[in-house]
PDB file of N, CA and C in Angstrom:
ATOM      1  N   MET A   1      38.158  35.034  -5.298  1.00  0.00           N
ATOM      2  CA  MET A   1      36.549  33.784  -4.670  1.00  0.00           C
ATOM      3  C   MET A   1      37.513  32.437  -4.911  1.00  0.00           C
ATOM      4  N   SER A   2      37.481  32.128  -6.006  1.00  0.00           N
ATOM      5  CA  SER A   2      38.328  30.704  -6.274  1.00  0.00           C
ATOM      6  C   SER A   2      39.919  31.088  -7.160  1.00  0.00           C
ATOM      7  N   ASN A   3      40.757  30.069  -6.954  1.00  0.00           N
ATOM      8  CA  ASN A   3      42.160  30.155  -7.061  1.00  0.00           C
ATOM      9  C   ASN A   3      42.047  28.778  -8.167  1.00  0.00           C
ATOM     10  N   LEU A   4      43.581  28.264  -8.394  1.00  0.00           N
ATOM     11  CA  LEU A   4      43.774  27.023  -9.036  1.00  0.00           C
ATOM     12  C   LEU A   4      45.118  26.212  -7.875  1.00  0.00           C
ATOM     13  N   LYS A   5      45.008  25.131  -7.549  1.00  0.00           N
ATOM     14  CA  LYS A   5      46.363  24.178  -7.106  1.00  0.00           C
ATOM     15  C   LYS A   5      46.635  22.960  -8.111  1.00  0.00           C
ATOM     16  N   ILE A   6      47.503  22.733  -8.405  1.00  0.00           N
ATOM     17  CA  ILE A   6      48.133  21.158  -8.461  1.00  0.00           C
ATOM     18  C   ILE A   6      47.664  20.100  -7.684  1.00  0.00           C
ATOM     19  N   ASN A   7      46.763  19.312  -8.198  1.00  0.00           N
ATOM     20  CA  ASN A   7      46.449  17.816  -7.336  1.00  0.00           C
ATOM     21  C   ASN A   7      47.412  17.240  -7.654  1.00  0.00           C
ATOM     22  N   SER A   8      47.116  15.919  -6.341  1.00  0.00           N
ATOM     23  CA  SER A   8      48.103  14.745  -6.530  1.00  0.00           C
ATOM     24  C   SER A   8      48.360  14.188  -7.651  1.00  0.00           C
ATOM     25  N   SER A   9      47.443  14.264  -9.016  1.00  0.00           N
ATOM     26  CA  SER A   9      47.474  14.153 -10.342  1.00  0.00           C
ATOM     27  C   SER A   9      48.455  14.663 -11.133  1.00  0.00           C
ATOM     28  N   GLY A  10      48.455  15.913 -10.543  1.00  0.00           N
ATOM     29  CA  GLY A  10      49.408  16.791 -11.322  1.00  0.00           C
ATOM     30  C   GLY A  10      48.548  17.446 -12.405  1.00  0.00           C
ATOM     31  N   LYS A  11      47.145  17.190 -12.124  1.00  0.00           N
ATOM     32  CA  LYS A  11      46.090  18.464 -12.698  1.00  0.00           C
ATOM     33  C   LYS A  11      45.749  19.433 -12.233  1.00  0.00           C
ATOM     34  N   SER A  12      45.210  20.501 -12.590  1.00  0.00           N
ATOM     35  CA  SER A  12      44.717  21.709 -11.987  1.00  0.00           C
ATOM     36  C   SER A  12      43.462  21.849 -11.521  1.00  0.00           C
ATOM     37  N   CYS A  13      43.096  22.225 -10.190  1.00  0.00           N
ATOM     38  CA  CYS A  13      42.246  21.897  -9.873  1.00  0.00           C
ATOM     39  C   CYS A  13      41.479  23.373  -9.080  1.00  0.00           C
ATOM     40  N   PRO A  14      40.230  23.946  -9.207  1.00  0.00           N
ATOM     41  CA  PRO A  14      39.904  24.831  -8.661  1.00  0.00           C
ATOM     42  C   PRO A  14      39.993  25.038  -6.701  1.00  0.00           C
ATOM     43  N   ILE A  15      39.952  25.947  -6.544  1.00  0.00           N
ATOM     44  CA  ILE A  15      40.644  25.986  -4.795  1.00  0.00           C
ATOM     45  C   ILE A  15      39.646  27.369  -4.154  1.00  0.00           C
ATOM     46  N   TYR A  16      39.092  27.280  -2.990  1.00  0.00           N
ATOM     47  CA  TYR A  16      38.750  28.596  -2.464  1.00  0.00           C
ATOM     48  C   TYR A  16      40.239  29.159  -1.645  1.00  0.00           C
ATOM     49  N   LYS A  17      39.824  30.630  -1.396  1.00  0.00           N
ATOM     50  CA  LYS A  17      41.107  30.869  -0.325  1.00  0.00           C
ATOM     51  C   LYS A  17      40.111  32.177   0.266  1.00  0.00           C
ATOM     52  N   CYS A  18      40.492  32.292   1.545  1.00  0.00           N
ATOM     53  CA  CYS A  18      39.873  33.282   2.105  1.00  0.00           C
ATOM     54  C   CYS A  18      40.223  34.801   1.818  1.00  0.00           C
ATOM     55  N   ALA A  19      39.282  35.476   1.377  1.00  0.00           N
ATOM     56  CA  ALA A  19      39.729  36.711   0.774  1.00  0.00           C
ATOM     57  C   ALA A  19      40.438  37.546   2.123  1.00  0.00           C
ATOM     58  N   ILE A  20      39.871  37.177   3.191  1.00  0.00           N
ATOM     59  CA  ILE A  20      40.555  37.813   4.123  1.00  0.00           C
ATOM     60  C   ILE A  20      41.925  37.580   4.361  1.00  0.00           C
ATOM     61  N   SER A  21      42.555  36.423   4.830  1.00  0.00           N
ATOM     62  CA  SER A  21      43.304  35.499   5.670  1.00  0.00           C
ATOM     63  C   SER A  21      44.642  35.463   4.688  1.00  0.00           C
ATOM     64  N   GLY A  22      43.923  34.699   3.110  1.00  0.00           N
ATOM     65  CA  GLY A  22      44.520  34.191   2.382  1.00  0.00           C
ATOM     66  C   GLY A  22      44.370  32.634   2.233  1.00  0.00           C
ATOM     67  N   GLN A  23      44.036  31.609   3.344  1.00  0.00           N
ATOM     68  CA  GLN A  23      44.630  30.650   3.535  1.00  0.00           C
ATOM     69  C   GLN A  23      43.329  29.393   3.018  1.00  0.00           C
ATOM     70  N   GLU A  24      43.519  28.999   2.359  1.00  0.00           N
ATOM     71  CA  GLU A  24      42.778  27.681   1.448  1.00  0.00           C
ATOM     72  C   GLU A  24      41.366  27.379   2.217  1.00  0.00           C
ATOM     73  N   ILE A  25      40.553  27.425   1.766  1.00  0.00           N
ATOM     74  CA  ILE A  25      39.158  26.548   2.526  1.00  0.00           C
ATOM     75  C   ILE A  25      38.856  25.296   2.078  1.00  0.00           C
ATOM     76  N   THR A  26      39.318  24.539   3.054  1.00  0.00           N
ATOM     77  CA  THR A  26      39.398  22.956   2.945  1.00  0.00           C
ATOM     78  C   THR A  26      37.878  22.679   3.348  1.00  0.00           C
ATOM     79  N   ASP A  27      37.500  22.967   3.780  1.00  0.00           N
ATOM     80  CA  ASP A  27      35.800  22.770   4.831  1.00  0.00           C
ATOM     81  C   ASP A  27      34.669  23.385   4.826  1.00  0.00           C
ATOM     82  N   ALA A  28      34.292  23.382   3.908  1.00  0.00           N
ATOM     83  CA  ALA A  28      33.060  24.704   3.489  1.00  0.00           C
ATOM     84  C   ALA A  28      32.324  24.926   4.737  1.00  0.00           C
ATOM     85  N   SER A  29      31.872  23.740   5.478  1.00  0.00           N
ATOM     86  CA  SER A  29      31.334  24.454   7.127  1.00  0.00           C
ATOM     87  C   SER A  29      31.883  25.092   7.465  1.00  0.00           C
ATOM     88  N   LEU A  30      33.071  25.652   7.442  1.00  0.00           N
ATOM     89  CA  LEU A  30      33.904  26.835   8.300  1.00  0.00           C
ATOM     90  C   LEU A  30      34.386  28.268   6.851  1.00  0.00           C
ATOM     91  N   ALA A  31      33.586  28.264   6.325  1.00  0.00           N
ATOM     92  CA  ALA A  31      33.170  29.387   5.544  1.00  0.00           C
ATOM     93  C   ALA A  31      32.108  29.859   4.802  1.00  0.00           C
ATOM     94  N   ASN A  32      31.966  31.319   4.861  1.00  0.00           N
ATOM     95  CA  ASN A  32      30.934  32.139   3.687  1.00  0.00           C
ATOM     96  C   ASN A  32      31.076  32.541   2.735  1.00  0.00           C
ATOM     97  N   MET A  33      29.988  32.583   1.804  1.00  0.00           N
ATOM     98  CA  MET A  33      30.021  33.507   0.651  1.00  0.00           C
ATOM     99  C   MET A  33      29.481  34.671   1.188  1.00  0.00           C
ATOM    100  N   GLU A  34      30.055  35.705   0.840  1.00  0.00           N
ATOM    101  CA  GLU A  34      29.786  37.560   1.515  1.00  0.00           C
ATOM    102  C   GLU A  34      29.664  38.399   0.143  1.00  0.00           C
ATOM    103  N   TRP A  35      28.241  39.103   0.570  1.00  0.00           N
ATOM    104  CA  TRP A  35      28.778  40.157  -0.584  1.00  0.00           C
ATOM    105  C   TRP A  35      28.005  41.243   0.111  1.00  0.00           C
ATOM    106  N   LEU A  36      27.838  42.654  -0.661  1.00  0.00           N
ATOM    107  CA  LEU A  36      27.050  43.823  -0.202  1.00  0.00           C
ATOM    108  C   LEU A  36      25.724  44.294  -0.942  1.00  0.00           C
ATOM    109  N   GLU A  37      25.106  44.656  -0.383  1.00  0.00           N
ATOM    110  CA  GLU A  37      23.575  44.735  -1.082  1.00  0.00           C
ATOM    111  C   GLU A  37      23.446  46.460  -1.283  1.00  0.00           C
ATOM    112  N   GLU A  38      22.560  47.031  -2.275  1.00  0.00           N
ATOM    113  CA  GLU A  38      22.312  48.739  -1.991  1.00  0.00           C
ATOM    114  C   GLU A  38      21.275  48.483  -2.498  1.00  0.00           C
ATOM    115  N   ARG A  39      20.720  49.407  -2.027  1.00  0.00           N
ATOM    116  CA  ARG A  39      19.157  49.859  -2.388  1.00  0.00           C
ATOM    117  C   ARG A  39      19.443  51.316  -2.734  1.00  0.00           C
ATOM    118  N   PRO A  40      19.197  51.935  -3.649  1.00  0.00           N
ATOM    119  CA  PRO A  40      19.023  53.463  -4.395  1.00  0.00           C
ATOM    120  C   PRO A  40      17.273  54.215  -3.677  1.00  0.00           C
ATOM    121  N   GLN A  41      17.459  55.253  -3.041  1.00  0.00           N
ATOM    122  CA  GLN A  41      16.693  55.735  -2.529  1.00  0.00           C
ATOM    123  C   GLN A  41      15.100  55.464  -3.720  1.00  0.00           C
ATOM    124  N   ALA A  42      15.345  55.399  -4.996  1.00  0.00           N
ATOM    125  CA  ALA A  42      14.249  54.877  -5.526  1.00  0.00           C
ATOM    126  C   ALA A  42      14.384  53.270  -6.320  1.00  0.00           C
ATOM    127  N   GLY A  43      14.617  52.469  -5.417  1.00  0.00           N
ATOM    128  CA  GLY A  43      14.909  51.352  -6.344  1.00  0.00           C
ATOM    129  C   GLY A  43      14.853  49.903  -5.473  1.00  0.00           C
ATOM    130  N   GLU A  44      15.734  48.493  -6.307  1.00  0.00           N
ATOM    131  CA  GLU A  44      15.224  47.639  -5.959  1.00  0.00           C
ATOM    132  C   GLU A  44      16.653  47.325  -4.875  1.00  0.00           C
ATOM    133  N   TRP A  45      16.751  45.988  -4.347  1.00  0.00           N
ATOM    134  CA  TRP A  45      18.255  46.076  -4.070  1.00  0.00           C
ATOM    135  C   TRP A  45      19.260  45.489  -4.749  1.00  0.00           C
ATOM    136  N   ARG A  46      20.344  45.528  -4.902  1.00  0.00           N
ATOM    137  CA  ARG A  46      21.320  45.235  -5.891  1.00  0.00           C
ATOM    138  C   ARG A  46      22.364  44.948  -5.193  1.00  0.00           C
ATOM    139  N   VAL A  47      23.115  43.723  -6.033  1.00  0.00           N
ATOM    140  CA  VAL A  47      24.657  43.397  -5.556  1.00  0.00           C
ATOM    141  C   VAL A  47      25.420  44.659  -6.193  1.00  0.00           C
ATOM    142  N   VAL A  48      26.416  45.056  -5.383  1.00  0.00           N
ATOM    143  CA  VAL A  48      27.306  45.823  -5.600  1.00  0.00           C
ATOM    144  C   VAL A  48      28.936  45.880  -5.199  1.00  0.00           C
ATOM    145  N   GLY A  49      28.911  44.464  -4.020  1.00  0.00           N
ATOM    146  CA  GLY A  49      30.289  44.040  -3.794  1.00  0.00           C
ATOM    147  C   GLY A  49      30.131  42.912  -3.115  1.00  0.00           C
ATOM    148  N   GLY A  50      31.337  41.785  -3.877  1.00  0.00           N
ATOM    149  CA  GLY A  50      31.326  40.443  -3.845  1.00  0.00           C
ATOM    150  C   GLY A  50      30.428  39.924  -4.784  1.00  0.00           C
ATOM    151  N   PRO A  51      30.358  38.338  -4.751  1.00  0.00           N
ATOM    152  CA  PRO A  51      30.793  37.654  -3.487  1.00  0.00           C
ATOM    153  C   PRO A  51      32.334  36.995  -3.304  1.00  0.00           C
ATOM    154  N   ILE A  52      32.481  37.106  -2.140  1.00  0.00           N
ATOM    155  CA  ILE A  52      33.824  37.148  -1.590  1.00  0.00           C
ATOM    156  C   ILE A  52      33.831  35.904  -0.928  1.00  0.00           C
ATOM    157  N   SER A  53      34.629  34.972  -0.378  1.00  0.00           N
ATOM    158  CA  SER A  53      34.667  33.490  -0.074  1.00  0.00           C
ATOM    159  C   SER A  53      35.817  34.115   1.476  1.00  0.00           C
ATOM    160  N   VAL A  54      35.125  33.492   2.502  1.00  0.00           N
ATOM    161  CA  VAL A  54      35.889  34.269   3.966  1.00  0.00           C
ATOM    162  C   VAL A  54      35.748  33.192   4.957  1.00  0.00           C
ATOM    163  N   LEU A  55      36.876  32.615   5.712  1.00  0.00           N
ATOM    164  CA  LEU A  55      36.406  31.663   6.658  1.00  0.00           C
ATOM    165  C   LEU A  55      35.886  32.281   7.733  1.00  0.00           C
ATOM    166  N   LYS A  56      35.294  31.638   8.412  1.00  0.00           N
ATOM    167  CA  LYS A  56      34.455  32.228   9.553  1.00  0.00           C
ATOM    168  C   LYS A  56      35.177  32.677  10.662  1.00  0.00           C
ATOM    169  N   GLU A  57      36.199  32.521  10.988  1.00  0.00           N
ATOM    170  CA  GLU A  57      36.815  32.682  11.906  1.00  0.00           C
ATOM    171  C   GLU A  57      37.946  33.981  11.467  1.00  0.00           C
ATOM    172  N   PHE A  58      38.366  34.332  10.473  1.00  0.00           N
ATOM    173  CA  PHE A  58      38.165  35.843  10.230  1.00  0.00           C
ATOM    174  C   PHE A  58      37.232  36.987   9.583  1.00  0.00           C
ATOM    175  N   ARG A  59      36.202  36.473  10.031  1.00  0.00           N
ATOM    176  CA  ARG A  59      35.166  37.696   9.854  1.00  0.00           C
ATOM    177  C   ARG A  59      34.685  38.513  10.497  1.00  0.00           C
ATOM    178  N   ASN A  60      34.271  39.621  10.542  1.00  0.00           N
ATOM    179  CA  ASN A  60      33.382  40.561  11.521  1.00  0.00           C
ATOM    180  C   ASN A  60      32.706  41.316  10.547  1.00  0.00           C
ATOM    181  N   ASP A  61      32.144  42.331  11.342  1.00  0.00           N
ATOM    182  CA  ASP A  61      31.191  43.019  10.265  1.00  0.00           C
ATOM    183  C   ASP A  61      32.091  44.424   9.904  1.00  0.00           C
ATOM    184  N   THR A  62      33.233  44.594  10.657  1.00  0.00           N
ATOM    185  CA  THR A  62      33.704  45.734  10.548  1.00  0.00           C
ATOM    186  C   THR A  62      34.927  45.648   9.166  1.00  0.00           C
ATOM    187  N   VAL A  63      35.499  44.528   9.427  1.00  0.00           N
ATOM    188  CA  VAL A  63      36.383  44.002   8.158  1.00  0.00           C
ATOM    189  C   VAL A  63      35.783  43.821   6.913  1.00  0.00           C
ATOM    190  N   MET A  64      34.725  43.298   6.693  1.00  0.00           N
ATOM    191  CA  MET A  64      33.803  43.073   5.986  1.00  0.00           C
ATOM    192  C   MET A  64      33.107  44.115   5.003  1.00  0.00           C
ATOM    193  N   LYS A  65      33.132  45.031   5.799  1.00  0.00           N
ATOM    194  CA  LYS A  65      32.662  46.622   5.461  1.00  0.00           C
ATOM    195  C   LYS A  65      33.576  47.380   4.759  1.00  0.00           C
ATOM    196  N   ARG A  66      34.865  46.986   5.243  1.00  0.00           N
ATOM    197  CA  ARG A  66      35.673  47.612   4.651  1.00  0.00           C
ATOM    198  C   ARG A  66      36.360  46.932   3.241  1.00  0.00           C
ATOM    199  N   VAL A  67      36.237  45.467   3.317  1.00  0.00           N
ATOM    200  CA  VAL A  67      36.703  44.680   2.543  1.00  0.00           C
ATOM    201  C   VAL A  67      35.801  45.224   1.321  1.00  0.00           C
ATOM    202  N   LEU A  68      34.095  44.777   1.572  1.00  0.00           N
ATOM    203  CA  LEU A  68      33.365  45.099   0.410  1.00  0.00           C
ATOM    204  C   LEU A  68      33.047  46.564  -0.070  1.00  0.00           C
ATOM    205  N   ARG A  69      33.861  47.281   0.442  1.00  0.00           N
ATOM    206  CA  ARG A  69      33.358  49.173   0.248  1.00  0.00           C
ATOM    207  C   ARG A  69      32.588  49.382   0.614  1.00  0.00           C
ATOM    208  N   ALA A  70      31.903  49.251   2.185  1.00  0.00           N
ATOM    209  CA  ALA A  70      30.545  49.397   2.296  1.00  0.00           C
ATOM    210  C   ALA A  70      30.642  51.310   2.310  1.00  0.00           C
ATOM    211  N   SER A  71      32.083  51.948   2.556  1.00  0.00           N
ATOM    212  CA  SER A  71      31.029  53.433   2.775  1.00  0.00           C
ATOM    213  C   SER A  71      31.165  53.546   1.600  1.00  0.00           C
ATOM    214  N   LEU A  72      30.979  53.142   0.135  1.00  0.00           N
ATOM    215  CA  LEU A  72      30.867  53.809  -0.875  1.00  0.00           C
ATOM    216  C   LEU A  72      29.022  53.774  -1.392  1.00  0.00           C
ATOM    217  N   TRP A  73      28.375  53.120  -0.486  1.00  0.00           N
ATOM    218  CA  TRP A  73      27.378  53.243  -0.578  1.00  0.00           C
ATOM    219  C   TRP A  73      26.497  53.644   0.628  1.00  0.00           C
ATOM    220  N   ALA A  74      25.529  54.297   0.151  1.00  0.00           N
ATOM    221  CA  ALA A  74      24.563  54.888   1.464  1.00  0.00           C
ATOM    222  C   ALA A  74      23.515  53.988   1.996  1.00  0.00           C
ATOM    223  N   ASN A  75      23.175  53.361   1.384  1.00  0.00           N
ATOM    224  CA  ASN A  75      21.899  52.266   1.983  1.00  0.00           C
ATOM    225  C   ASN A  75      22.410  51.019   1.216  1.00  0.00           C
ATOM    226  N   SER A  76      23.439  50.260   2.446  1.00  0.00           N
ATOM    227  CA  SER A  76      24.442  49.172   1.671  1.00  0.00           C
ATOM    228  C   SER A  76      24.057  48.191   3.746  1.00  0.00           C
ATOM    229  N   LYS A  77      23.692  46.947   2.847  1.00  0.00           N
ATOM    230  CA  LYS A  77      23.659  45.636   3.763  1.00  0.00           C
ATOM    231  C   LYS A  77      24.306  44.527   3.338  1.00  0.00           C
ATOM    232  N   LEU A  78      25.390  44.184   4.486  1.00  0.00           N
ATOM    233  CA  LEU A  78      25.796  43.023   4.209  1.00  0.00           C
ATOM    234  C   LEU A  78      25.043  41.801   4.149  1.00  0.00           C
ATOM    235  N   CYS A  79      25.188  41.021   3.030  1.00  0.00           N
ATOM    236  CA  CYS A  79      24.453  39.775   3.298  1.00  0.00           C
ATOM    237  C   CYS A  79      26.160  38.450   3.155  1.00  0.00           C
ATOM    238  N   TRP A  80      25.473  37.361   3.371  1.00  0.00           N
ATOM    239  CA  TRP A  80      25.823  36.590   3.412  1.00  0.00           C
ATOM    240  C   TRP A  80      25.568  34.880   3.167  1.00  0.00           C
ATOM    241  N   ALA A  81      25.789  33.336   2.727  1.00  0.00           N
ATOM    242  CA  ALA A  81      24.971  32.434   3.225  1.00  0.00           C
ATOM    243  C   ALA A  81      26.362  31.433   3.202  1.00  0.00           C
ATOM    244  N   PRO A  82      26.508  30.541   3.997  1.00  0.00           N
ATOM    245  CA  PRO A  82      27.270  29.179   4.572  1.00  0.00           C
ATOM    246  C   PRO A  82      27.468  28.915   2.717  1.00  0.00           C
ATOM    247  N   LEU A  83      29.194  28.632   2.772  1.00  0.00           N
ATOM    248  CA  LEU A  83      29.635  28.401   1.543  1.00  0.00           C
ATOM    249  C   LEU A  83      29.270  26.914   1.074  1.00  0.00           C
ATOM    250  N   ASP A  84      28.474  26.018   2.256  1.00  0.00           N
ATOM    251  CA  ASP A  84      27.984  25.030   1.652  1.00  0.00           C
ATOM    252  C   ASP A  84      26.604  24.837   1.189  1.00  0.00           C
ATOM    253  N   VAL A  85      26.058  25.824   1.633  1.00  0.00           N
ATOM    254  CA  VAL A  85      24.399  25.941   0.978  1.00  0.00           C
ATOM    255  C   VAL A  85      25.087  27.272  -0.180  1.00  0.00           C
ATOM    256  N   TRP A  86      25.821  27.716  -0.212  1.00  0.00           N
ATOM    257  CA  TRP A  86      25.733  28.873  -1.288  1.00  0.00           C
ATOM    258  C   TRP A  86      26.171  27.580  -2.701  1.00  0.00           C
ATOM    259  N   HIS A  87      26.706  26.832  -2.686  1.00  0.00           N
ATOM    260  CA  HIS A  87      27.214  25.495  -3.733  1.00  0.00           C
ATOM    261  C   HIS A  87      26.024  24.723  -3.540  1.00  0.00           C
ATOM    262  N   ILE A  88      24.730  24.689  -2.722  1.00  0.00           N
ATOM    263  CA  ILE A  88      23.766  23.826  -3.337  1.00  0.00           C
ATOM    264  C   ILE A  88      22.894  24.599  -4.018  1.00  0.00           C
ATOM    265  N   ASN A  89      22.659  25.989  -3.726  1.00  0.00           N
ATOM    266  CA  ASN A  89      21.684  26.619  -4.377  1.00  0.00           C
ATOM    267  C   ASN A  89      22.316  27.047  -5.721  1.00  0.00           C
ATOM    268  N   LEU A  90      23.824  27.202  -5.812  1.00  0.00           N
ATOM    269  CA  LEU A  90      24.266  27.528  -7.109  1.00  0.00           C
ATOM    270  C   LEU A  90      24.060  26.215  -7.918  1.00  0.00           C
ATOM    271  N   SER A  91      24.101  25.095  -7.633  1.00  0.00           N
ATOM    272  CA  SER A  91      23.979  23.845  -8.328  1.00  0.00           C
ATOM    273  C   SER A  91      22.586  23.756  -9.120  1.00  0.00           C
ATOM    274  N   ARG A  92      21.563  23.912  -7.721  1.00  0.00           N
ATOM    275  CA  ARG A  92      20.125  23.868  -8.063  1.00  0.00           C
ATOM    276  C   ARG A  92      19.902  24.770  -9.151  1.00  0.00           C
ATOM    277  N   ASN A  93      20.720  26.105  -8.972  1.00  0.00           N
ATOM    278  CA  ASN A  93      20.067  27.384 -10.100  1.00  0.00           C
ATOM    279  C   ASN A  93      20.858  27.014 -11.154  1.00  0.00           C
ATOM    280  N   SER A  94      21.832  26.619 -11.385  1.00  0.00           N
ATOM    281  CA  SER A  94      22.606  26.652 -13.057  1.00  0.00           C
ATOM    282  C   SER A  94      22.120  25.079 -13.637  1.00  0.00           C
ATOM    283  N   GLY A  95      21.061  24.507 -12.804  1.00  0.00           N
ATOM    284  CA  GLY A  95      20.788  22.904 -13.308  1.00  0.00           C
ATOM    285  C   GLY A  95      22.209  21.511 -13.506  1.00  0.00           C
ATOM    286  N   ILE A  96      22.758  21.656 -12.356  1.00  0.00           N
ATOM    287  CA  ILE A  96      24.054  20.857 -12.257  1.00  0.00           C
ATOM    288  C   ILE A  96      23.641  19.705 -11.974  1.00  0.00           C
ATOM    289  N   ASP A  97      23.643  18.558 -12.634  1.00  0.00           N
ATOM    290  CA  ASP A  97      23.344  17.360 -12.238  1.00  0.00           C
ATOM    291  C   ASP A  97      24.297  16.634 -11.436  1.00  0.00           C
ATOM    292  N   TYR A  98      24.506  16.836  -9.931  1.00  0.00           N
ATOM    293  CA  TYR A  98      25.433  16.240  -9.518  1.00  0.00           C
ATOM    294  C   TYR A  98      26.055  14.932  -9.253  1.00  0.00           C
ATOM    295  N   GLU A  99      25.213  14.094  -9.492  1.00  0.00           N
ATOM    296  CA  GLU A  99      25.754  12.762  -9.579  1.00  0.00           C
ATOM    297  C   GLU A  99      26.893  12.698 -11.248  1.00  0.00           C
ATOM    298  N   LYS A 100      26.198  12.872 -12.183  1.00  0.00           N
ATOM    299  CA  LYS A 100      26.892  13.227 -13.143  1.00  0.00           C
ATOM    300  C   LYS A 100      28.180  13.693 -12.859  1.00  0.00           C
ATOM    301  N   ALA A 101      28.157  15.082 -13.043  1.00  0.00           N
ATOM    302  CA  ALA A 101      29.429  15.752 -12.320  1.00  0.00           C
ATOM    303  C   ALA A 101      30.172  15.447 -11.315  1.00  0.00           C
ATOM    304  N   SER A 102      30.106  14.389 -10.429  1.00  0.00           N
ATOM    305  CA  SER A 102      31.154  13.755  -9.777  1.00  0.00           C
ATOM    306  C   SER A 102      31.518  12.497 -10.286  1.00  0.00           C
ATOM    307  N   ARG A 103      30.860  11.941 -10.947  1.00  0.00           N
ATOM    308  CA  ARG A 103      31.545  11.015 -11.811  1.00  0.00           C
ATOM    309  C   ARG A 103      32.815  11.946 -12.982  1.00  0.00           C
ATOM    310  N   ASN A 104      32.298  12.595 -13.442  1.00  0.00           N
ATOM    311  CA  ASN A 104      33.099  13.079 -14.648  1.00  0.00           C
ATOM    312  C   ASN A 104      34.482  13.698 -13.800  1.00  0.00           C
ATOM    313  N   ALA A 105      34.279  14.581 -12.550  1.00  0.00           N
ATOM    314  CA  ALA A 105      34.747  14.768 -11.864  1.00  0.00           C
ATOM    315  C   ALA A 105      36.174  13.815 -11.416  1.00  0.00           C
ATOM    316  N   GLU A 106      35.825  12.264 -11.533  1.00  0.00           N
ATOM    317  CA  GLU A 106      36.525  11.266 -10.848  1.00  0.00           C
ATOM    318  C   GLU A 106      37.338  11.206 -12.471  1.00  0.00           C
ATOM    319  N   ASN A 107      36.697  10.676 -13.375  1.00  0.00           N
ATOM    320  CA  ASN A 107      37.478  10.371 -14.339  1.00  0.00           C
ATOM    321  C   ASN A 107      38.042  11.513 -14.856  1.00  0.00           C
ATOM    322  N   LEU A 108      38.085  12.240 -14.458  1.00  0.00           N
ATOM    323  CA  LEU A 108      39.102  13.607 -15.474  1.00  0.00           C
ATOM    324  C   LEU A 108      40.504  13.862 -13.723  1.00  0.00           C
ATOM    325  N   ASN A 109      40.308  13.101 -12.811  1.00  0.00           N
ATOM    326  CA  ASN A 109      41.542  13.346 -12.037  1.00  0.00           C
ATOM    327  C   ASN A 109      42.063  11.735 -11.776  1.00  0.00           C
ATOM    328  N   MET A 110      41.273  11.171 -12.809  1.00  0.00           N
ATOM    329  CA  MET A 110      42.187   9.833 -13.168  1.00  0.00           C
ATOM    330  C   MET A 110      43.428   9.407 -14.451  1.00  0.00           C
ATOM    331  N   LEU A 111      43.111  10.928 -15.183  1.00  0.00           N
ATOM    332  CA  LEU A 111      43.301  11.124 -16.698  1.00  0.00           C
ATOM    333  C   LEU A 111      45.004  11.300 -16.283  1.00  0.00           C
TER     334      LEU A 111
END
C-alpha cells in the first residue's frame, strides 16, 4: 500500500504505489483504495483482502478479483473508495487535526 522515498530535503516520506503497475501515486484523485469483503452464510460482511491502492487507469474487476484473491471466498464483493475520500474518512475516524498535522509536516520537512 504505502512505501517510502527520500524527499528533496533528504528526509524519508511516505508515498503510495499502485498495487497493479507499481507506479507512484502523486494525485489522489487518480487512484482508489480497494478491498474485498466476504459474507459467510450465517454472518456479517467482513474484510478478507486489502486494502490496496490502485491507479484508476489500471483497475478492472477481473484484475482486482485476481489481486485480492476473490476466488478464495464464496460470497465476496469488491469494494472501493477514491483515495482522497479514503484519507478524509481515515482522518475523521482517527481524530487527526489536519491543520496541526500540516504544520508539523512542514516543520519536519525543514529540519
